[in-house]
């Protein structure tokens, strides 16, 4: 699980596995920081990220991507799973204007 913390940046970017510890970022940046966690294709990572203090979770790749052709495929059912956890969730991977309303 990885995290990226944003204190003032309005447009968080997807992160990689080695970006840092969510609980440590929450302590360092405080309750108002927006901290996201890349959870790839695994709801158990989302559960752990939320328990550690993540503001939102990201699943992907939702679509194939030229930049990360070997990324794990994240099924759309993960978003229902995240909602059941009470999580804010975002889709990453292969998102384009043409695909924004797909599926």
PDB file of N, CA and C in Angstrom:
ATOM      1  N   UNK A   1       0.850  -1.159   0.000  1.00  0.00           N
ATOM      2  CA  UNK A   1       0.000   0.000   0.000  1.00  0.00           C
ATOM      3  C   UNK A   1       0.900   1.227   0.000  1.00  0.00           C
ATOM      4  N   UNK A   2       0.505   2.229  -0.742  1.00  0.00           N
ATOM      5  CA  UNK A   2       1.296   3.447  -0.771  1.00  0.00           C
ATOM      6  C   UNK A   2       0.424   4.636  -0.433  1.00  0.00           C
ATOM      7  N   UNK A   3       1.053   5.725  -0.114  1.00  0.00           N
ATOM      8  CA  UNK A   3       0.266   6.916   0.169  1.00  0.00           C
ATOM      9  C   UNK A   3       0.947   8.134  -0.420  1.00  0.00           C
ATOM     10  N   UNK A   4       0.161   9.121  -0.668  1.00  0.00           N
ATOM     11  CA  UNK A   4       0.648  10.423  -1.087  1.00  0.00           C
ATOM     12  C   UNK A   4      -0.180  11.428  -0.311  1.00  0.00           C
ATOM     13  N   UNK A   5       0.455  12.366   0.300  1.00  0.00           N
ATOM     14  CA  UNK A   5      -0.249  13.363   1.087  1.00  0.00           C
ATOM     15  C   UNK A   5      -0.253  14.698   0.349  1.00  0.00           C
ATOM     16  N   UNK A   6      -1.354  15.398   0.435  1.00  0.00           N
ATOM     17  CA  UNK A   6      -1.509  16.687  -0.211  1.00  0.00           C
ATOM     18  C   UNK A   6      -2.083  17.668   0.786  1.00  0.00           C
ATOM     19  N   UNK A   7      -1.322  18.694   1.079  1.00  0.00           N
ATOM     20  CA  UNK A   7      -1.824  19.695   2.016  1.00  0.00           C
ATOM     21  C   UNK A   7      -2.541  20.813   1.267  1.00  0.00           C
ATOM     22  N   UNK A   8      -2.005  21.267   0.154  1.00  0.00           N
ATOM     23  CA  UNK A   8      -2.604  22.372  -0.580  1.00  0.00           C
ATOM     24  C   UNK A   8      -2.841  22.035  -2.050  1.00  0.00           C
ATOM     25  N   UNK A   9      -2.330  20.958  -2.514  1.00  0.00           N
ATOM     26  CA  UNK A   9      -2.432  20.620  -3.928  1.00  0.00           C
ATOM     27  C   UNK A   9      -3.848  20.156  -4.255  1.00  0.00           C
ATOM     28  N   UNK A  10      -4.550  20.840  -5.168  1.00  0.00           N
ATOM     29  CA  UNK A  10      -5.944  20.510  -5.425  1.00  0.00           C
ATOM     30  C   UNK A  10      -6.158  19.271  -6.268  1.00  0.00           C
ATOM     31  N   UNK A  11      -5.142  18.778  -6.939  1.00  0.00           N
ATOM     32  CA  UNK A  11      -5.320  17.699  -7.885  1.00  0.00           C
ATOM     33  C   UNK A  11      -4.351  16.552  -7.608  1.00  0.00           C
ATOM     34  N   UNK A  12      -4.656  15.700  -6.615  1.00  0.00           N
ATOM     35  CA  UNK A  12      -3.751  14.603  -6.270  1.00  0.00           C
ATOM     36  C   UNK A  12      -3.474  13.685  -7.454  1.00  0.00           C
ATOM     37  N   UNK A  13      -2.288  13.141  -7.498  1.00  0.00           N
ATOM     38  CA  UNK A  13      -1.880  12.237  -8.552  1.00  0.00           C
ATOM     39  C   UNK A  13      -1.739  10.831  -8.001  1.00  0.00           C
ATOM     40  N   UNK A  14      -1.959   9.813  -8.836  1.00  0.00           N
ATOM     41  CA  UNK A  14      -1.756   8.436  -8.379  1.00  0.00           C
ATOM     42  C   UNK A  14      -0.329   8.218  -7.884  1.00  0.00           C
ATOM     43  N   UNK A  15      -0.159   7.310  -6.958  1.00  0.00           N
ATOM     44  CA  UNK A  15       1.135   7.079  -6.343  1.00  0.00           C
ATOM     45  C   UNK A  15       1.576   5.633  -6.506  1.00  0.00           C
ATOM     46  N   UNK A  16       2.770   5.371  -6.105  1.00  0.00           N
ATOM     47  CA  UNK A  16       3.346   4.029  -6.198  1.00  0.00           C
ATOM     48  C   UNK A  16       3.459   3.394  -4.822  1.00  0.00           C
ATOM     49  N   UNK A  17       3.826   2.138  -4.800  1.00  0.00           N
ATOM     50  CA  UNK A  17       3.870   1.346  -3.570  1.00  0.00           C
ATOM     51  C   UNK A  17       4.817   1.890  -2.503  1.00  0.00           C
ATOM     52  N   UNK A  18       5.874   2.554  -2.877  1.00  0.00           N
ATOM     53  CA  UNK A  18       6.906   2.936  -1.918  1.00  0.00           C
ATOM     54  C   UNK A  18       6.876   4.411  -1.531  1.00  0.00           C
ATOM     55  N   UNK A  19       5.727   5.070  -1.663  1.00  0.00           N
ATOM     56  CA  UNK A  19       5.672   6.502  -1.401  1.00  0.00           C
ATOM     57  C   UNK A  19       5.675   6.871   0.075  1.00  0.00           C
ATOM     58  N   UNK A  20       5.296   5.995   0.959  1.00  0.00           N
ATOM     59  CA  UNK A  20       5.361   6.351   2.361  1.00  0.00           C
ATOM     60  C   UNK A  20       4.287   5.693   3.197  1.00  0.00           C
ATOM     61  N   UNK A  21       4.331   5.961   4.476  1.00  0.00           N
ATOM     62  CA  UNK A  21       3.435   5.379   5.460  1.00  0.00           C
ATOM     63  C   UNK A  21       2.272   6.326   5.722  1.00  0.00           C
ATOM     64  N   UNK A  22       1.054   5.836   5.597  1.00  0.00           N
ATOM     65  CA  UNK A  22      -0.139   6.666   5.751  1.00  0.00           C
ATOM     66  C   UNK A  22      -0.269   7.207   7.170  1.00  0.00           C
ATOM     67  N   UNK A  23      -0.111   6.366   8.162  1.00  0.00           N
ATOM     68  CA  UNK A  23      -0.252   6.820   9.551  1.00  0.00           C
ATOM     69  C   UNK A  23       0.775   7.893   9.886  1.00  0.00           C
ATOM     70  N   UNK A  24       1.999   7.729   9.408  1.00  0.00           N
ATOM     71  CA  UNK A  24       3.041   8.731   9.659  1.00  0.00           C
ATOM     72  C   UNK A  24       2.705  10.046   8.953  1.00  0.00           C
ATOM     73  N   UNK A  25       2.187   9.963   7.731  1.00  0.00           N
ATOM     74  CA  UNK A  25       1.796  11.178   7.009  1.00  0.00           C
ATOM     75  C   UNK A  25       0.661  11.888   7.740  1.00  0.00           C
ATOM     76  N   UNK A  26      -0.281  11.137   8.270  1.00  0.00           N
ATOM     77  CA  UNK A  26      -1.412  11.736   8.994  1.00  0.00           C
ATOM     78  C   UNK A  26      -0.910  12.467  10.239  1.00  0.00           C
ATOM     79  N   UNK A  27       0.003  11.866  10.965  1.00  0.00           N
ATOM     80  CA  UNK A  27       0.560  12.511  12.161  1.00  0.00           C
ATOM     81  C   UNK A  27       1.323  13.771  11.766  1.00  0.00           C
ATOM     82  N   UNK A  28       2.151  13.668  10.740  1.00  0.00           N
ATOM     83  CA  UNK A  28       2.999  14.785  10.319  1.00  0.00           C
ATOM     84  C   UNK A  28       2.177  15.940   9.742  1.00  0.00           C
ATOM     85  N   UNK A  29       1.131  15.633   8.939  1.00  0.00           N
ATOM     86  CA  UNK A  29       0.407  16.675   8.220  1.00  0.00           C
ATOM     87  C   UNK A  29      -0.881  17.123   8.902  1.00  0.00           C
ATOM     88  N   UNK A  30      -1.394  16.320   9.799  1.00  0.00           N
ATOM     89  CA  UNK A  30      -2.581  16.717  10.545  1.00  0.00           C
ATOM     90  C   UNK A  30      -3.892  16.238   9.946  1.00  0.00           C
ATOM     91  N   UNK A  31      -4.952  16.492  10.682  1.00  0.00           N
ATOM     92  CA  UNK A  31      -6.278  15.982  10.344  1.00  0.00           C
ATOM     93  C   UNK A  31      -6.850  16.564   9.060  1.00  0.00           C
ATOM     94  N   UNK A  32      -6.423  17.761   8.661  1.00  0.00           N
ATOM     95  CA  UNK A  32      -6.991  18.402   7.480  1.00  0.00           C
ATOM     96  C   UNK A  32      -6.313  18.018   6.172  1.00  0.00           C
ATOM     97  N   UNK A  33      -5.194  17.322   6.230  1.00  0.00           N
ATOM     98  CA  UNK A  33      -4.483  16.928   5.007  1.00  0.00           C
ATOM     99  C   UNK A  33      -5.302  15.894   4.241  1.00  0.00           C
ATOM    100  N   UNK A  34      -5.225  15.957   2.929  1.00  0.00           N
ATOM    101  CA  UNK A  34      -5.875  14.962   2.071  1.00  0.00           C
ATOM    102  C   UNK A  34      -4.821  13.923   1.721  1.00  0.00           C
ATOM    103  N   UNK A  35      -5.021  12.719   2.208  1.00  0.00           N
ATOM    104  CA  UNK A  35      -4.048  11.646   2.026  1.00  0.00           C
ATOM    105  C   UNK A  35      -4.715  10.504   1.276  1.00  0.00           C
ATOM    106  N   UNK A  36      -4.129  10.146   0.142  1.00  0.00           N
ATOM    107  CA  UNK A  36      -4.684   9.075  -0.671  1.00  0.00           C
ATOM    108  C   UNK A  36      -3.796   7.850  -0.675  1.00  0.00           C
ATOM    109  N   UNK A  37      -4.419   6.718  -0.938  1.00  0.00           N
ATOM    110  CA  UNK A  37      -3.683   5.453  -0.977  1.00  0.00           C
ATOM    111  C   UNK A  37      -4.021   4.693  -2.249  1.00  0.00           C
ATOM    112  N   UNK A  38      -2.998   4.294  -2.981  1.00  0.00           N
ATOM    113  CA  UNK A  38      -3.184   3.429  -4.134  1.00  0.00           C
ATOM    114  C   UNK A  38      -3.394   2.009  -3.639  1.00  0.00           C
ATOM    115  N   UNK A  39      -4.508   1.420  -4.035  1.00  0.00           N
ATOM    116  CA  UNK A  39      -4.860   0.084  -3.548  1.00  0.00           C
ATOM    117  C   UNK A  39      -4.914  -0.942  -4.676  1.00  0.00           C
ATOM    118  N   UNK A  40      -4.538  -0.512  -5.880  1.00  0.00           N
ATOM    119  CA  UNK A  40      -4.399  -1.400  -7.032  1.00  0.00           C
ATOM    120  C   UNK A  40      -5.691  -2.164  -7.296  1.00  0.00           C
ATOM    121  N   UNK A  41      -5.719  -3.453  -7.080  1.00  0.00           N
ATOM    122  CA  UNK A  41      -6.919  -4.258  -7.324  1.00  0.00           C
ATOM    123  C   UNK A  41      -7.341  -5.016  -6.066  1.00  0.00           C
ATOM    124  N   UNK A  42      -7.035  -4.426  -4.884  1.00  0.00           N
ATOM    125  CA  UNK A  42      -7.211  -5.167  -3.629  1.00  0.00           C
ATOM    126  C   UNK A  42      -7.970  -4.360  -2.582  1.00  0.00           C
ATOM    127  N   UNK A  43      -9.181  -4.803  -2.280  1.00  0.00           N
ATOM    128  CA  UNK A  43      -9.994  -4.117  -1.284  1.00  0.00           C
ATOM    129  C   UNK A  43      -9.367  -4.210   0.107  1.00  0.00           C
ATOM    130  N   UNK A  44      -8.604  -5.262   0.383  1.00  0.00           N
ATOM    131  CA  UNK A  44      -7.975  -5.358   1.708  1.00  0.00           C
ATOM    132  C   UNK A  44      -6.954  -4.249   1.917  1.00  0.00           C
ATOM    133  N   UNK A  45      -6.314  -3.781   0.847  1.00  0.00           N
ATOM    134  CA  UNK A  45      -5.412  -2.629   0.965  1.00  0.00           C
ATOM    135  C   UNK A  45      -6.207  -1.371   1.287  1.00  0.00           C
ATOM    136  N   UNK A  46      -7.383  -1.240   0.703  1.00  0.00           N
ATOM    137  CA  UNK A  46      -8.239  -0.087   1.000  1.00  0.00           C
ATOM    138  C   UNK A  46      -8.653  -0.102   2.464  1.00  0.00           C
ATOM    139  N   UNK A  47      -9.047  -1.248   2.950  1.00  0.00           N
ATOM    140  CA  UNK A  47      -9.457  -1.382   4.357  1.00  0.00           C
ATOM    141  C   UNK A  47      -8.306  -0.951   5.281  1.00  0.00           C
ATOM    142  N   UNK A  48      -7.106  -1.424   4.997  1.00  0.00           N
ATOM    143  CA  UNK A  48      -5.940  -1.079   5.817  1.00  0.00           C
ATOM    144  C   UNK A  48      -5.598   0.409   5.702  1.00  0.00           C
ATOM    145  N   UNK A  49      -5.699   0.958   4.501  1.00  0.00           N
ATOM    146  CA  UNK A  49      -5.387   2.377   4.286  1.00  0.00           C
ATOM    147  C   UNK A  49      -6.346   3.262   5.070  1.00  0.00           C
ATOM    148  N   UNK A  50      -7.612   2.930   5.025  1.00  0.00           N
ATOM    149  CA  UNK A  50      -8.601   3.716   5.758  1.00  0.00           C
ATOM    150  C   UNK A  50      -8.358   3.626   7.263  1.00  0.00           C
ATOM    151  N   UNK A  51      -8.030   2.448   7.741  1.00  0.00           N
ATOM    152  CA  UNK A  51      -7.740   2.275   9.167  1.00  0.00           C
ATOM    153  C   UNK A  51      -6.513   3.076   9.584  1.00  0.00           C
ATOM    154  N   UNK A  52      -5.562   3.262   8.641  1.00  0.00           N
ATOM    155  CA  UNK A  52      -4.343   4.012   8.939  1.00  0.00           C
ATOM    156  C   UNK A  52      -4.534   5.520   8.808  1.00  0.00           C
ATOM    157  N   UNK A  53      -5.692   5.948   8.272  1.00  0.00           N
ATOM    158  CA  UNK A  53      -5.963   7.384   8.192  1.00  0.00           C
ATOM    159  C   UNK A  53      -6.060   7.971   6.806  1.00  0.00           C
ATOM    160  N   UNK A  54      -6.169   7.155   5.769  1.00  0.00           N
ATOM    161  CA  UNK A  54      -6.295   7.679   4.406  1.00  0.00           C
ATOM    162  C   UNK A  54      -7.614   8.425   4.236  1.00  0.00           C
ATOM    163  N   UNK A  55      -7.582   9.501   3.447  1.00  0.00           N
ATOM    164  CA  UNK A  55      -8.780  10.275   3.129  1.00  0.00           C
ATOM    165  C   UNK A  55      -9.556   9.635   1.987  1.00  0.00           C
ATOM    166  N   UNK A  56      -8.834   8.991   1.090  1.00  0.00           N
ATOM    167  CA  UNK A  56      -9.456   8.331  -0.049  1.00  0.00           C
ATOM    168  C   UNK A  56      -8.580   7.183  -0.499  1.00  0.00           C
ATOM    169  N   UNK A  57      -9.167   6.299  -1.292  1.00  0.00           N
ATOM    170  CA  UNK A  57      -8.421   5.190  -1.876  1.00  0.00           C
ATOM    171  C   UNK A  57      -8.549   5.252  -3.387  1.00  0.00           C
ATOM    172  N   UNK A  58      -7.550   4.726  -4.073  1.00  0.00           N
ATOM    173  CA  UNK A  58      -7.554   4.688  -5.538  1.00  0.00           C
ATOM    174  C   UNK A  58      -7.399   3.247  -5.994  1.00  0.00           C
ATOM    175  N   UNK A  59      -8.195   2.875  -6.987  1.00  0.00           N
ATOM    176  CA  UNK A  59      -8.102   1.547  -7.583  1.00  0.00           C
ATOM    177  C   UNK A  59      -7.735   1.691  -9.051  1.00  0.00           C
ATOM    178  N   UNK A  60      -6.890   0.809  -9.526  1.00  0.00           N
ATOM    179  CA  UNK A  60      -6.531   0.837 -10.932  1.00  0.00           C
ATOM    180  C   UNK A  60      -5.431  -0.148 -11.220  1.00  0.00           C
ATOM    181  N   UNK A  61      -5.326  -0.431 -12.429  1.00  0.00           N
ATOM    182  CA  UNK A  61      -5.826   0.284 -13.585  1.00  0.00           C
ATOM    183  C   UNK A  61      -7.242  -0.186 -13.927  1.00  0.00           C
ATOM    184  N   UNK A  62      -8.125   0.798 -14.094  1.00  0.00           N
ATOM    185  CA  UNK A  62      -9.489   0.497 -14.454  1.00  0.00           C
ATOM    186  C   UNK A  62      -9.584   0.189 -15.944  1.00  0.00           C
ATOM    187  N   UNK A  63      -8.784   0.878 -16.737  1.00  0.00           N
ATOM    188  CA  UNK A  63      -8.665   0.621 -18.171  1.00  0.00           C
ATOM    189  C   UNK A  63      -7.201   0.355 -18.485  1.00  0.00           C
ATOM    190  N   UNK A  64      -6.949  -0.247 -19.623  1.00  0.00           N
ATOM    191  CA  UNK A  64      -5.557  -0.461 -20.029  1.00  0.00           C
ATOM    192  C   UNK A  64      -4.896   0.898 -20.259  1.00  0.00           C
ATOM    193  N   UNK A  65      -3.600   0.911 -20.067  1.00  0.00           N
ATOM    194  CA  UNK A  65      -2.853   2.159 -20.148  1.00  0.00           C
ATOM    195  C   UNK A  65      -1.530   1.934 -20.867  1.00  0.00           C
ATOM    196  N   UNK A  66      -1.167   2.856 -21.722  1.00  0.00           N
ATOM    197  CA  UNK A  66       0.137   2.760 -22.391  1.00  0.00           C
ATOM    198  C   UNK A  66       1.281   3.058 -21.431  1.00  0.00           C
ATOM    199  N   UNK A  67       1.028   3.851 -20.398  1.00  0.00           N
ATOM    200  CA  UNK A  67       2.109   4.206 -19.482  1.00  0.00           C
ATOM    201  C   UNK A  67       2.434   3.096 -18.490  1.00  0.00           C
ATOM    202  N   UNK A  68       1.454   2.257 -18.182  1.00  0.00           N
ATOM    203  CA  UNK A  68       1.685   1.124 -17.277  1.00  0.00           C
ATOM    204  C   UNK A  68       0.954  -0.102 -17.837  1.00  0.00           C
ATOM    205  N   UNK A  69       1.488  -0.672 -18.899  1.00  0.00           N
ATOM    206  CA  UNK A  69       0.784  -1.767 -19.570  1.00  0.00           C
ATOM    207  C   UNK A  69       0.638  -3.033 -18.733  1.00  0.00           C
ATOM    208  N   UNK A  70       1.429  -3.190 -17.700  1.00  0.00           N
ATOM    209  CA  UNK A  70       1.374  -4.407 -16.883  1.00  0.00           C
ATOM    210  C   UNK A  70       0.708  -4.174 -15.522  1.00  0.00           C
ATOM    211  N   UNK A  71       0.018  -3.063 -15.382  1.00  0.00           N
ATOM    212  CA  UNK A  71      -0.662  -2.763 -14.116  1.00  0.00           C
ATOM    213  C   UNK A  71      -1.784  -3.772 -13.872  1.00  0.00           C
ATOM    214  N   UNK A  72      -2.044  -4.021 -12.612  1.00  0.00           N
ATOM    215  CA  UNK A  72      -3.142  -4.923 -12.242  1.00  0.00           C
ATOM    216  C   UNK A  72      -4.462  -4.354 -12.746  1.00  0.00           C
ATOM    217  N   UNK A  73      -5.324  -5.217 -13.236  1.00  0.00           N
ATOM    218  CA  UNK A  73      -6.652  -4.800 -13.696  1.00  0.00           C
ATOM    219  C   UNK A  73      -7.587  -4.743 -12.500  1.00  0.00           C
ATOM    220  N   UNK A  74      -8.167  -3.584 -12.261  1.00  0.00           N
ATOM    221  CA  UNK A  74      -9.057  -3.391 -11.115  1.00  0.00           C
ATOM    222  C   UNK A  74     -10.508  -3.436 -11.582  1.00  0.00           C
ATOM    223  N   UNK A  75     -11.276  -4.415 -11.131  1.00  0.00           N
ATOM    224  CA  UNK A  75     -12.674  -4.491 -11.553  1.00  0.00           C
ATOM    225  C   UNK A  75     -13.504  -3.367 -10.930  1.00  0.00           C
ATOM    226  N   UNK A  76     -14.531  -2.947 -11.634  1.00  0.00           N
ATOM    227  CA  UNK A  76     -15.385  -1.876 -11.136  1.00  0.00           C
ATOM    228  C   UNK A  76     -16.102  -2.253  -9.844  1.00  0.00           C
ATOM    229  N   UNK A  77     -16.230  -3.537  -9.557  1.00  0.00           N
ATOM    230  CA  UNK A  77     -16.869  -3.972  -8.312  1.00  0.00           C
ATOM    231  C   UNK A  77     -16.124  -3.467  -7.077  1.00  0.00           C
ATOM    232  N   UNK A  78     -14.849  -3.132  -7.222  1.00  0.00           N
ATOM    233  CA  UNK A  78     -14.086  -2.592  -6.089  1.00  0.00           C
ATOM    234  C   UNK A  78     -14.683  -1.286  -5.573  1.00  0.00           C
ATOM    235  N   UNK A  79     -15.322  -0.537  -6.450  1.00  0.00           N
ATOM    236  CA  UNK A  79     -15.894   0.742  -6.022  1.00  0.00           C
ATOM    237  C   UNK A  79     -17.118   0.530  -5.131  1.00  0.00           C
ATOM    238  N   UNK A  80     -17.877  -0.519  -5.374  1.00  0.00           N
ATOM    239  CA  UNK A  80     -18.978  -0.878  -4.476  1.00  0.00           C
ATOM    240  C   UNK A  80     -18.418  -1.356  -3.140  1.00  0.00           C
ATOM    241  N   UNK A  81     -17.351  -2.121  -3.195  1.00  0.00           N
ATOM    242  CA  UNK A  81     -16.703  -2.581  -1.963  1.00  0.00           C
ATOM    243  C   UNK A  81     -16.200  -1.391  -1.147  1.00  0.00           C
ATOM    244  N   UNK A  82     -15.601  -0.411  -1.824  1.00  0.00           N
ATOM    245  CA  UNK A  82     -15.091   0.778  -1.134  1.00  0.00           C
ATOM    246  C   UNK A  82     -16.240   1.579  -0.530  1.00  0.00           C
ATOM    247  N   UNK A  83     -17.340   1.695  -1.247  1.00  0.00           N
ATOM    248  CA  UNK A  83     -18.502   2.419  -0.726  1.00  0.00           C
ATOM    249  C   UNK A  83     -19.030   1.743   0.534  1.00  0.00           C
ATOM    250  N   UNK A  84     -19.005   0.419   0.541  1.00  0.00           N
ATOM    251  CA  UNK A  84     -19.452  -0.322   1.729  1.00  0.00           C
ATOM    252  C   UNK A  84     -18.562  -0.046   2.932  1.00  0.00           C
ATOM    253  N   UNK A  85     -17.311   0.314   2.672  1.00  0.00           N
ATOM    254  CA  UNK A  85     -16.382   0.672   3.748  1.00  0.00           C
ATOM    255  C   UNK A  85     -16.525   2.138   4.163  1.00  0.00           C
ATOM    256  N   UNK A  86     -17.347   2.883   3.431  1.00  0.00           N
ATOM    257  CA  UNK A  86     -17.502   4.307   3.699  1.00  0.00           C
ATOM    258  C   UNK A  86     -16.387   5.141   3.108  1.00  0.00           C
ATOM    259  N   UNK A  87     -15.702   4.604   2.104  1.00  0.00           N
ATOM    260  CA  UNK A  87     -14.523   5.263   1.542  1.00  0.00           C
ATOM    261  C   UNK A  87     -14.854   6.136   0.345  1.00  0.00           C
ATOM    262  N   UNK A  88     -14.135   7.247   0.233  1.00  0.00           N
ATOM    263  CA  UNK A  88     -14.078   7.984  -1.022  1.00  0.00           C
ATOM    264  C   UNK A  88     -13.112   7.213  -1.904  1.00  0.00           C
ATOM    265  N   UNK A  89     -13.486   6.966  -3.155  1.00  0.00           N
ATOM    266  CA  UNK A  89     -12.632   6.174  -4.040  1.00  0.00           C
ATOM    267  C   UNK A  89     -12.518   6.831  -5.404  1.00  0.00           C
ATOM    268  N   UNK A  90     -11.345   6.697  -5.996  1.00  0.00           N
ATOM    269  CA  UNK A  90     -11.110   7.215  -7.344  1.00  0.00           C
ATOM    270  C   UNK A  90     -10.571   6.101  -8.225  1.00  0.00           C
ATOM    271  N   UNK A  91     -10.855   6.234  -9.507  1.00  0.00           N
ATOM    272  CA  UNK A  91     -10.343   5.297 -10.506  1.00  0.00           C
ATOM    273  C   UNK A  91      -9.080   5.878 -11.112  1.00  0.00           C
ATOM    274  N   UNK A  92      -8.078   5.039 -11.308  1.00  0.00           N
ATOM    275  CA  UNK A  92      -6.858   5.454 -11.992  1.00  0.00           C
ATOM    276  C   UNK A  92      -6.532   4.427 -13.061  1.00  0.00           C
ATOM    277  N   UNK A  93      -5.770   4.835 -14.026  1.00  0.00           N
ATOM    278  CA  UNK A  93      -5.299   3.926 -15.061  1.00  0.00           C
ATOM    279  C   UNK A  93      -6.145   3.954 -16.312  1.00  0.00           C
ATOM    280  N   UNK A  94      -5.615   4.572 -17.363  1.00  0.00           N
ATOM    281  CA  UNK A  94      -6.278   4.579 -18.650  1.00  0.00           C
ATOM    282  C   UNK A  94      -7.500   5.469 -18.726  1.00  0.00           C
ATOM    283  N   UNK A  95      -7.642   6.389 -17.803  1.00  0.00           N
ATOM    284  CA  UNK A  95      -8.803   7.280 -17.802  1.00  0.00           C
ATOM    285  C   UNK A  95      -8.610   8.323 -18.905  1.00  0.00           C
ATOM    286  N   UNK A  96      -9.592   8.409 -19.786  1.00  0.00           N
ATOM    287  CA  UNK A  96      -9.565   9.398 -20.865  1.00  0.00           C
ATOM    288  C   UNK A  96     -10.931  10.074 -20.933  1.00  0.00           C
ATOM    289  N   UNK A  97     -11.010  11.152 -21.671  1.00  0.00           N
ATOM    290  CA  UNK A  97     -12.300  11.843 -21.844  1.00  0.00           C
ATOM    291  C   UNK A  97     -13.322  10.913 -22.485  1.00  0.00           C
ATOM    292  N   UNK A  98     -12.894  10.104 -23.427  1.00  0.00           N
ATOM    293  CA  UNK A  98     -13.815   9.182 -24.103  1.00  0.00           C
ATOM    294  C   UNK A  98     -14.330   8.089 -23.161  1.00  0.00           C
ATOM    295  N   UNK A  99     -13.570   7.746 -22.156  1.00  0.00           N
ATOM    296  CA  UNK A  99     -13.953   6.672 -21.243  1.00  0.00           C
ATOM    297  C   UNK A  99     -14.624   7.166 -19.973  1.00  0.00           C
ATOM    298  N   UNK A 100     -14.761   8.432 -19.785  1.00  0.00           N
ATOM    299  CA  UNK A 100     -15.228   8.965 -18.494  1.00  0.00           C
ATOM    300  C   UNK A 100     -16.613   8.480 -18.099  1.00  0.00           C
ATOM    301  N   UNK A 101     -17.443   8.129 -19.046  1.00  0.00           N
ATOM    302  CA  UNK A 101     -18.780   7.639 -18.732  1.00  0.00           C
ATOM    303  C   UNK A 101     -18.965   6.194 -19.112  1.00  0.00           C
ATOM    304  N   UNK A 102     -17.883   5.510 -19.486  1.00  0.00           N
ATOM    305  CA  UNK A 102     -17.962   4.115 -19.882  1.00  0.00           C
ATOM    306  C   UNK A 102     -18.262   3.234 -18.696  1.00  0.00           C
ATOM    307  N   UNK A 103     -18.888   2.116 -18.974  1.00  0.00           N
ATOM    308  CA  UNK A 103     -19.193   1.088 -17.970  1.00  0.00           C
ATOM    309  C   UNK A 103     -20.081   1.655 -16.917  1.00  0.00           C
TER     310      UNK A 103
END
